[in-house]
Amino acid sequence: MNKSIISTENAPSAIGPYSQAVKAGNTVYISGQIPLDPKTMEVVEGGFEAQAVQVFENLSAIAEASGGSLSDFVKVTVLLSDLANFGVVNEVMMRYFSEPYPARAAYAVKQLPKDVDVEIEAIMVVGE
């Protein structure tokens, strides 16, 4: 299998033993992104919407480093600390994606790293 590690300074560096993304063939598996500013590695301020925007910016940077864009996403998994934020995630997601949308799952979880309110991971296919 042709496997490579994707890394970019335009997204937060890993805060554990994992890669920002792994490309296997034409498929890219992007690790869960939380709302960290890649320059400061601090959680962005401004509430839930600002956090969601930062997560999509981080995903976009990794997608670009992988040779693609958000339009190449085929699956997104959204983890939320509170499902009350589901509507805001939808609104923010519509700023970054257009039809046809990727498949998606959304879950409420008890807690996320650094006590953030949102984490999103994605799978994309490039070069087909």
Protein backbone atom coordinates (compact mmCIF):
# COMPACT_ATOMS: atom_id res chain seq x y z
CA MET A 1 0.00 0.00 0.00
CA ASN A 2 1.19 3.50 -0.85
CA LYS A 3 0.88 5.38 2.48
CA SER A 4 2.20 8.84 3.32
CA ILE A 5 1.91 11.24 6.24
CA ILE A 6 0.42 14.69 5.64
CA SER A 7 1.62 17.61 7.73
CA THR A 8 1.20 21.37 7.44
CA GLU A 9 2.10 24.34 9.62
CA ASN A 10 -1.23 25.90 8.59
CA ALA A 11 -3.11 23.57 10.94
CA PRO A 12 -2.44 22.72 14.58
CA SER A 13 0.31 20.21 15.18
CA ALA A 14 -0.76 16.92 16.74
CA ILE A 15 -1.19 17.04 20.51
CA GLY A 16 -0.63 13.30 20.85
CA PRO A 17 0.83 10.29 19.07
CA TYR A 18 -0.95 10.75 15.75
CA SER A 19 -0.54 12.50 12.39
CA GLN A 20 -2.61 15.40 11.08
CA ALA A 21 -3.57 13.12 8.20
CA VAL A 22 -2.57 9.88 6.52
CA LYS A 23 -2.92 9.34 2.79
CA ALA A 24 -3.39 5.73 1.66
CA GLY A 25 -3.72 5.48 -2.10
CA ASN A 26 -6.20 8.21 -3.09
CA THR A 27 -7.89 8.31 0.32
CA VAL A 28 -6.89 10.81 3.00
CA TYR A 29 -7.88 10.23 6.62
CA ILE A 30 -7.82 13.53 8.50
CA SER A 31 -7.47 13.32 12.27
CA GLY A 32 -10.02 15.05 14.46
CA GLN A 33 -9.47 18.79 14.48
CA ILE A 34 -10.31 20.98 17.43
CA PRO A 35 -10.47 24.79 17.42
CA LEU A 36 -6.79 25.48 17.97
CA ASP A 37 -5.13 28.43 16.30
CA PRO A 38 -2.17 26.81 14.49
CA LYS A 39 0.08 29.79 15.25
CA THR A 40 -0.49 29.86 19.01
CA MET A 41 -1.82 26.33 19.64
CA GLU A 42 -4.44 27.96 21.87
CA VAL A 43 -8.20 27.47 21.67
CA VAL A 44 -9.78 30.34 19.75
CA GLU A 45 -12.01 32.74 21.65
CA GLY A 46 -15.41 34.02 20.58
CA GLY A 47 -17.82 31.26 21.44
CA PHE A 48 -19.03 28.15 19.67
CA GLU A 49 -19.38 29.64 16.18
CA ALA A 50 -15.78 30.90 16.24
CA GLN A 51 -14.65 27.45 17.37
CA ALA A 52 -16.54 25.74 14.54
CA VAL A 53 -15.08 28.16 11.98
CA GLN A 54 -11.54 27.45 13.23
CA VAL A 55 -12.11 23.70 12.96
CA PHE A 56 -13.20 24.04 9.31
CA GLU A 57 -10.22 26.31 8.61
CA ASN A 58 -7.92 23.65 10.07
CA LEU A 59 -9.59 20.93 8.00
CA SER A 60 -9.27 23.07 4.89
CA ALA A 61 -5.53 23.62 5.49
CA ILE A 62 -4.93 19.89 5.85
CA ALA A 63 -7.03 19.16 2.77
CA GLU A 64 -4.91 21.62 0.78
CA ALA A 65 -1.69 20.06 2.09
CA SER A 66 -3.09 16.71 0.94
CA GLY A 67 -3.51 17.94 -2.61
CA GLY A 68 -7.23 18.56 -2.44
CA SER A 69 -9.92 20.75 -0.95
CA LEU A 70 -13.04 20.48 1.15
CA SER A 71 -14.96 19.58 -2.03
CA ASP A 72 -13.04 16.27 -1.99
CA PHE A 73 -14.44 15.27 1.42
CA VAL A 74 -16.60 12.15 1.29
CA LYS A 75 -17.30 11.71 5.03
CA VAL A 76 -17.28 14.04 8.02
CA THR A 77 -17.74 13.06 11.64
CA VAL A 78 -18.75 15.83 14.04
CA LEU A 79 -18.28 15.46 17.79
CA LEU A 80 -20.12 17.98 19.97
CA SER A 81 -20.08 18.59 23.71
CA ASP A 82 -23.72 19.73 23.42
CA LEU A 83 -26.20 18.83 20.66
CA ALA A 84 -27.75 22.26 21.16
CA ASN A 85 -24.91 23.46 18.89
CA PHE A 86 -26.00 21.18 16.03
CA GLY A 87 -27.74 24.01 14.15
CA VAL A 88 -24.70 26.27 14.38
CA VAL A 89 -22.49 23.50 12.99
CA ASN A 90 -24.91 23.17 10.06
CA GLU A 91 -24.78 26.92 9.40
CA VAL A 92 -20.98 27.04 9.53
CA MET A 93 -20.64 23.88 7.44
CA MET A 94 -22.76 25.43 4.69
CA ARG A 95 -20.20 28.26 4.42
CA TYR A 96 -17.49 25.72 3.58
CA PHE A 97 -19.36 23.11 1.52
CA SER A 98 -21.78 23.15 -1.38
CA GLU A 99 -23.88 20.37 -2.85
CA PRO A 100 -23.29 17.55 -3.18
CA TYR A 101 -22.45 17.48 0.52
CA PRO A 102 -20.25 14.80 2.07
CA ALA A 103 -21.79 12.05 4.16
CA ARG A 104 -21.86 13.02 7.84
CA ALA A 105 -22.45 11.75 11.33
CA ALA A 106 -22.80 13.90 14.43
CA TYR A 107 -22.52 12.74 18.01
CA ALA A 108 -22.79 14.30 21.43
CA VAL A 109 -19.88 13.27 23.63
CA LYS A 110 -19.15 13.80 27.28
CA GLN A 111 -15.89 15.69 26.83
CA LEU A 112 -13.38 16.65 24.13
CA PRO A 113 -9.65 17.43 24.30
CA LYS A 114 -8.80 20.76 25.95
CA ASP A 115 -12.48 21.03 26.97
CA VAL A 116 -13.48 22.37 23.55
CA ASP A 117 -17.04 22.13 22.29
CA VAL A 118 -16.41 20.66 18.82
CA GLU A 119 -14.07 18.23 17.07
CA ILE A 120 -14.40 17.14 13.45
CA GLU A 121 -12.60 14.39 11.53
CA ALA A 122 -12.89 13.71 7.83
CA ILE A 123 -12.16 11.33 4.99
CA MET A 124 -11.39 12.69 1.55
CA VAL A 125 -10.56 11.19 -1.84
CA VAL A 126 -8.10 13.00 -4.11
CA GLY A 127 -6.71 12.43 -7.56
CA GLU A 128 -9.45 10.37 -9.13
